[in-house]
Amino acid sequence: MKTILDKRQLHLTILRLAHQLLENHQNLDEVVFIGLQPRGVQISKRIVDTVRNLCVGQNIQYGILDITFYRDDVRKELHIANTTDIPFSIEGKAVILIDDVLYTGRTIRAALDALQDFGRPKKIELCVLVDRRFNRELPIQPDYCGKSIDTAYSQKVKVEWEREEVVLY
């Protein structure tokens, strides 16, 4: 077990990601933030809360997306869907997808498919806390990344929210 981001580093990384998002999107009326179920919800809530604190008084649109039935890599077992809550239109908006760890890219591919059910966005960007870089199976890269690491396929990256750290197993 190796700590990738400790509590202090995790908080700084979330703050940095929020600032990067705001640097690239001055008009938040044209932006929607969407956290991916299940593990992207924690990081997305923290990033969006930070954006809200930095932009007091602005309307920040935030939703969560479940991609369970859009996955192409898990088909043999019964899946229980999580909640999707997108109470606004994404039509013509810049969508910021937020997830915790980018590994193979299959979750993001499924999210792109699922988003089509909600309209046609102007642009989709990806924000991740950790990018496992060289383990990609699909040509998907993050637009915003907290930490890039090189890992073996046998290793696991886990965001431990109870201890507020990112750990490599």
C-alpha atoms as a PDB file:
ATOM      1  CA  MET A   1       0.000   0.000   0.000  1.00  0.00           C
ATOM      2  CA  LYS A   2       1.310   3.430  -0.995  1.00  0.00           C
ATOM      3  CA  THR A   3      -0.344   6.813  -0.404  1.00  0.00           C
ATOM      4  CA  ILE A   4      -0.664   8.745  -3.656  1.00  0.00           C
ATOM      5  CA  LEU A   5      -2.428  11.804  -2.184  1.00  0.00           C
ATOM      6  CA  ASP A   6      -2.678  12.485   1.544  1.00  0.00           C
ATOM      7  CA  LYS A   7      -5.463  14.578   3.096  1.00  0.00           C
ATOM      8  CA  ARG A   8      -3.735  17.921   2.536  1.00  0.00           C
ATOM      9  CA  GLN A   9      -2.741  17.049  -1.039  1.00  0.00           C
ATOM     10  CA  LEU A  10      -6.272  15.833  -1.805  1.00  0.00           C
ATOM     11  CA  HIS A  11      -7.808  19.130  -0.644  1.00  0.00           C
ATOM     12  CA  LEU A  12      -5.262  21.148  -2.648  1.00  0.00           C
ATOM     13  CA  THR A  13      -5.901  19.020  -5.731  1.00  0.00           C
ATOM     14  CA  ILE A  14      -9.672  19.576  -5.501  1.00  0.00           C
ATOM     15  CA  LEU A  15      -9.098  23.324  -5.131  1.00  0.00           C
ATOM     16  CA  ARG A  16      -6.734  23.328  -8.138  1.00  0.00           C
ATOM     17  CA  LEU A  17      -9.218  21.411 -10.301  1.00  0.00           C
ATOM     18  CA  ALA A  18     -12.003  23.856  -9.368  1.00  0.00           C
ATOM     19  CA  HIS A  19      -9.777  26.806 -10.299  1.00  0.00           C
ATOM     20  CA  GLN A  20      -8.816  25.197 -13.617  1.00  0.00           C
ATOM     21  CA  LEU A  21     -12.489  24.654 -14.460  1.00  0.00           C
ATOM     22  CA  LEU A  22     -13.264  28.285 -13.664  1.00  0.00           C
ATOM     23  CA  GLU A  23     -10.309  29.525 -15.716  1.00  0.00           C
ATOM     24  CA  ASN A  24     -11.703  27.785 -18.793  1.00  0.00           C
ATOM     25  CA  HIS A  25     -15.387  28.551 -18.157  1.00  0.00           C
ATOM     26  CA  GLN A  26     -16.073  32.148 -17.159  1.00  0.00           C
ATOM     27  CA  ASN A  27     -19.797  31.918 -17.959  1.00  0.00           C
ATOM     28  CA  LEU A  28     -21.132  29.137 -15.735  1.00  0.00           C
ATOM     29  CA  ASP A  29     -24.658  29.600 -17.149  1.00  0.00           C
ATOM     30  CA  GLU A  30     -23.448  27.582 -20.145  1.00  0.00           C
ATOM     31  CA  VAL A  31     -21.819  24.811 -18.050  1.00  0.00           C
ATOM     32  CA  VAL A  32     -23.235  21.755 -16.288  1.00  0.00           C
ATOM     33  CA  PHE A  33     -21.305  19.473 -13.951  1.00  0.00           C
ATOM     34  CA  ILE A  34     -22.133  15.757 -13.893  1.00  0.00           C
ATOM     35  CA  GLY A  35     -20.674  13.253 -11.446  1.00  0.00           C
ATOM     36  CA  LEU A  36     -20.519   9.614 -12.507  1.00  0.00           C
ATOM     37  CA  GLN A  37     -22.120   6.985 -10.282  1.00  0.00           C
ATOM     38  CA  PRO A  38     -20.983   5.474  -8.055  1.00  0.00           C
ATOM     39  CA  ARG A  39     -17.407   6.551  -7.268  1.00  0.00           C
ATOM     40  CA  GLY A  40     -17.365   9.854  -9.111  1.00  0.00           C
ATOM     41  CA  VAL A  41     -20.119  11.334  -6.973  1.00  0.00           C
ATOM     42  CA  GLN A  42     -17.911  12.037  -3.948  1.00  0.00           C
ATOM     43  CA  ILE A  43     -15.227  13.864  -5.916  1.00  0.00           C
ATOM     44  CA  SER A  44     -17.759  15.705  -8.076  1.00  0.00           C
ATOM     45  CA  LYS A  45     -19.654  16.981  -5.017  1.00  0.00           C
ATOM     46  CA  ARG A  46     -16.426  18.305  -3.541  1.00  0.00           C
ATOM     47  CA  ILE A  47     -15.339  19.991  -6.748  1.00  0.00           C
ATOM     48  CA  VAL A  48     -18.779  21.529  -7.330  1.00  0.00           C
ATOM     49  CA  ASP A  49     -18.983  22.696  -3.687  1.00  0.00           C
ATOM     50  CA  THR A  50     -15.583  24.363  -4.144  1.00  0.00           C
ATOM     51  CA  VAL A  51     -16.770  26.030  -7.373  1.00  0.00           C
ATOM     52  CA  ARG A  52     -19.912  27.238  -5.552  1.00  0.00           C
ATOM     53  CA  ASN A  53     -17.785  28.704  -2.754  1.00  0.00           C
ATOM     54  CA  LEU A  54     -15.612  30.502  -5.305  1.00  0.00           C
ATOM     55  CA  CYS A  55     -18.627  31.793  -7.290  1.00  0.00           C
ATOM     56  CA  VAL A  56     -21.132  32.798  -4.630  1.00  0.00           C
ATOM     57  CA  GLY A  57     -24.459  33.811  -6.108  1.00  0.00           C
ATOM     58  CA  GLN A  58     -24.025  32.050  -9.435  1.00  0.00           C
ATOM     59  CA  ASN A  59     -26.316  29.228 -10.477  1.00  0.00           C
ATOM     60  CA  ILE A  60     -24.198  26.065 -10.650  1.00  0.00           C
ATOM     61  CA  GLN A  61     -25.996  23.165 -12.333  1.00  0.00           C
ATOM     62  CA  TYR A  62     -24.964  19.778 -10.954  1.00  0.00           C
ATOM     63  CA  GLY A  63     -26.304  16.311 -11.631  1.00  0.00           C
ATOM     64  CA  ILE A  64     -25.330  12.679 -11.275  1.00  0.00           C
ATOM     65  CA  LEU A  65     -25.349  10.017 -13.980  1.00  0.00           C
ATOM     66  CA  ASP A  66     -25.610   6.245 -13.645  1.00  0.00           C
ATOM     67  CA  ILE A  67     -23.996   4.329 -16.498  1.00  0.00           C
ATOM     68  CA  THR A  68     -24.800   0.789 -15.290  1.00  0.00           C
ATOM     69  CA  PHE A  69     -26.827  -0.244 -18.337  1.00  0.00           C
ATOM     70  CA  TYR A  70     -24.512   1.437 -20.832  1.00  0.00           C
ATOM     71  CA  ARG A  71     -21.399  -0.549 -19.902  1.00  0.00           C
ATOM     72  CA  ASP A  72     -19.980  -2.964 -22.443  1.00  0.00           C
ATOM     73  CA  ASP A  73     -17.603  -4.831 -20.159  1.00  0.00           C
ATOM     74  CA  VAL A  74     -19.853  -6.408 -17.509  1.00  0.00           C
ATOM     75  CA  ARG A  75     -22.748  -8.473 -18.815  1.00  0.00           C
ATOM     76  CA  LYS A  76     -22.864 -11.794 -16.930  1.00  0.00           C
ATOM     77  CA  GLU A  77     -24.472 -10.738 -13.665  1.00  0.00           C
ATOM     78  CA  LEU A  78     -27.582  -8.872 -12.542  1.00  0.00           C
ATOM     79  CA  HIS A  79     -26.873  -5.183 -12.031  1.00  0.00           C
ATOM     80  CA  ILE A  80     -28.657  -2.853  -9.669  1.00  0.00           C
ATOM     81  CA  ALA A  81     -28.853   0.647 -11.063  1.00  0.00           C
ATOM     82  CA  ASN A  82     -27.826   3.712  -9.092  1.00  0.00           C
ATOM     83  CA  THR A  83     -29.612   7.036  -9.261  1.00  0.00           C
ATOM     84  CA  THR A  84     -29.473   9.361 -12.226  1.00  0.00           C
ATOM     85  CA  ASP A  85     -30.465  12.915 -11.333  1.00  0.00           C
ATOM     86  CA  ILE A  86     -30.037  15.467 -14.100  1.00  0.00           C
ATOM     87  CA  PRO A  87     -32.821  18.025 -13.484  1.00  0.00           C
ATOM     88  CA  PHE A  88     -31.781  20.374 -16.304  1.00  0.00           C
ATOM     89  CA  SER A  89     -31.167  20.341 -20.033  1.00  0.00           C
ATOM     90  CA  ILE A  90     -27.684  19.640 -21.355  1.00  0.00           C
ATOM     91  CA  GLU A  91     -28.688  20.775 -24.843  1.00  0.00           C
ATOM     92  CA  GLY A  92     -26.074  23.200 -26.177  1.00  0.00           C
ATOM     93  CA  LYS A  93     -24.193  23.293 -22.850  1.00  0.00           C
ATOM     94  CA  ALA A  94     -20.613  22.477 -21.944  1.00  0.00           C
ATOM     95  CA  VAL A  95     -20.809  19.277 -19.901  1.00  0.00           C
ATOM     96  CA  ILE A  96     -18.042  18.571 -17.396  1.00  0.00           C
ATOM     97  CA  LEU A  97     -18.020  14.838 -16.568  1.00  0.00           C
ATOM     98  CA  ILE A  98     -16.332  14.156 -13.228  1.00  0.00           C
ATOM     99  CA  ASP A  99     -15.003  10.786 -12.050  1.00  0.00           C
ATOM    100  CA  ASP A 100     -12.490   9.610  -9.468  1.00  0.00           C
ATOM    101  CA  VAL A 101     -10.071   7.361 -11.399  1.00  0.00           C
ATOM    102  CA  LEU A 102      -9.590   7.076 -15.156  1.00  0.00           C
ATOM    103  CA  TYR A 103      -8.366   3.547 -15.843  1.00  0.00           C
ATOM    104  CA  THR A 104      -9.434   1.745 -19.035  1.00  0.00           C
ATOM    105  CA  GLY A 105     -11.773   4.460 -20.334  1.00  0.00           C
ATOM    106  CA  ARG A 106     -14.799   2.172 -20.494  1.00  0.00           C
ATOM    107  CA  THR A 107     -16.757   4.060 -17.821  1.00  0.00           C
ATOM    108  CA  ILE A 108     -16.326   7.299 -19.750  1.00  0.00           C
ATOM    109  CA  ARG A 109     -17.355   5.641 -23.016  1.00  0.00           C
ATOM    110  CA  ALA A 110     -20.516   4.419 -21.292  1.00  0.00           C
ATOM    111  CA  ALA A 111     -21.141   7.908 -19.875  1.00  0.00           C
ATOM    112  CA  LEU A 112     -20.859   9.421 -23.356  1.00  0.00           C
ATOM    113  CA  ASP A 113     -23.508   6.967 -24.573  1.00  0.00           C
ATOM    114  CA  ALA A 114     -25.770   7.658 -21.580  1.00  0.00           C
ATOM    115  CA  LEU A 115     -25.545  11.428 -22.064  1.00  0.00           C
ATOM    116  CA  GLN A 116     -27.134  11.101 -25.500  1.00  0.00           C
ATOM    117  CA  ASP A 117     -30.432  10.325 -23.749  1.00  0.00           C
ATOM    118  CA  PHE A 118     -30.387  13.828 -22.240  1.00  0.00           C
ATOM    119  CA  GLY A 119     -29.732  15.874 -25.376  1.00  0.00           C
ATOM    120  CA  ARG A 120     -26.840  17.072 -27.449  1.00  0.00           C
ATOM    121  CA  PRO A 121     -24.277  19.093 -25.524  1.00  0.00           C
ATOM    122  CA  LYS A 122     -22.130  21.737 -27.182  1.00  0.00           C
ATOM    123  CA  LYS A 123     -18.997  20.189 -25.668  1.00  0.00           C
ATOM    124  CA  ILE A 124     -18.032  17.455 -23.216  1.00  0.00           C
ATOM    125  CA  GLU A 125     -14.941  17.680 -21.030  1.00  0.00           C
ATOM    126  CA  LEU A 126     -13.556  15.143 -18.587  1.00  0.00           C
ATOM    127  CA  CYS A 127     -12.265  15.922 -15.107  1.00  0.00           C
ATOM    128  CA  VAL A 128     -10.680  13.122 -13.057  1.00  0.00           C
ATOM    129  CA  LEU A 129      -8.905  13.002  -9.735  1.00  0.00           C
ATOM    130  CA  VAL A 130      -6.421  10.293 -10.837  1.00  0.00           C
ATOM    131  CA  ASP A 131      -5.369   9.293 -14.343  1.00  0.00           C
ATOM    132  CA  ARG A 132      -3.751   5.842 -14.615  1.00  0.00           C
ATOM    133  CA  ARG A 133      -2.312   6.910 -18.003  1.00  0.00           C
ATOM    134  CA  PHE A 134      -0.864   3.789 -19.616  1.00  0.00           C
ATOM    135  CA  ASN A 135      -3.697   1.348 -18.803  1.00  0.00           C
ATOM    136  CA  ARG A 136      -6.162   2.792 -21.294  1.00  0.00           C
ATOM    137  CA  GLU A 137      -8.106   0.417 -23.525  1.00  0.00           C
ATOM    138  CA  LEU A 138      -9.924   3.232 -25.320  1.00  0.00           C
ATOM    139  CA  PRO A 139      -8.523   6.523 -26.658  1.00  0.00           C
ATOM    140  CA  ILE A 140      -9.945   8.712 -23.881  1.00  0.00           C
ATOM    141  CA  GLN A 141      -7.898  11.392 -22.127  1.00  0.00           C
ATOM    142  CA  PRO A 142      -8.878  13.792 -19.337  1.00  0.00           C
ATOM    143  CA  ASP A 143      -9.113  17.537 -19.906  1.00  0.00           C
ATOM    144  CA  TYR A 144      -8.520  18.147 -16.188  1.00  0.00           C
ATOM    145  CA  CYS A 145      -6.472  15.789 -14.049  1.00  0.00           C
ATOM    146  CA  GLY A 146      -5.549  15.924 -10.383  1.00  0.00           C
ATOM    147  CA  LYS A 147      -2.705  13.395 -10.487  1.00  0.00           C
ATOM    148  CA  SER A 148      -1.263  11.201 -13.249  1.00  0.00           C
ATOM    149  CA  ILE A 149       0.344   7.942 -12.189  1.00  0.00           C
ATOM    150  CA  ASP A 150       1.845   4.907 -13.864  1.00  0.00           C
ATOM    151  CA  THR A 151       0.502   1.600 -12.578  1.00  0.00           C
ATOM    152  CA  ALA A 152       0.528  -2.078 -13.426  1.00  0.00           C
ATOM    153  CA  TYR A 153      -2.705  -3.842 -14.374  1.00  0.00           C
ATOM    154  CA  SER A 154      -2.500  -5.823 -11.124  1.00  0.00           C
ATOM    155  CA  GLN A 155      -2.530  -2.666  -8.979  1.00  0.00           C
ATOM    156  CA  LYS A 156      -5.627  -0.858  -7.736  1.00  0.00           C
ATOM    157  CA  VAL A 157      -6.110   2.838  -7.057  1.00  0.00           C
ATOM    158  CA  LYS A 158      -8.700   3.600  -4.406  1.00  0.00           C
ATOM    159  CA  VAL A 159      -9.940   6.933  -3.111  1.00  0.00           C
ATOM    160  CA  GLU A 160     -10.500   6.424   0.625  1.00  0.00           C
ATOM    161  CA  TRP A 161     -13.004   9.149   1.530  1.00  0.00           C
ATOM    162  CA  GLU A 162     -13.190   8.109   5.196  1.00  0.00           C
ATOM    163  CA  ARG A 163      -9.437   8.772   5.577  1.00  0.00           C
ATOM    164  CA  GLU A 164      -9.419  11.413   2.828  1.00  0.00           C
ATOM    165  CA  GLU A 165      -6.557   9.986   0.825  1.00  0.00           C
ATOM    166  CA  VAL A 166      -5.791   8.207  -2.441  1.00  0.00           C
ATOM    167  CA  VAL A 167      -4.024   4.871  -2.079  1.00  0.00           C
ATOM    168  CA  LEU A 168      -2.295   2.502  -4.495  1.00  0.00           C
ATOM    169  CA  TYR A 169      -2.680  -1.204  -3.624  1.00  0.00           C
END
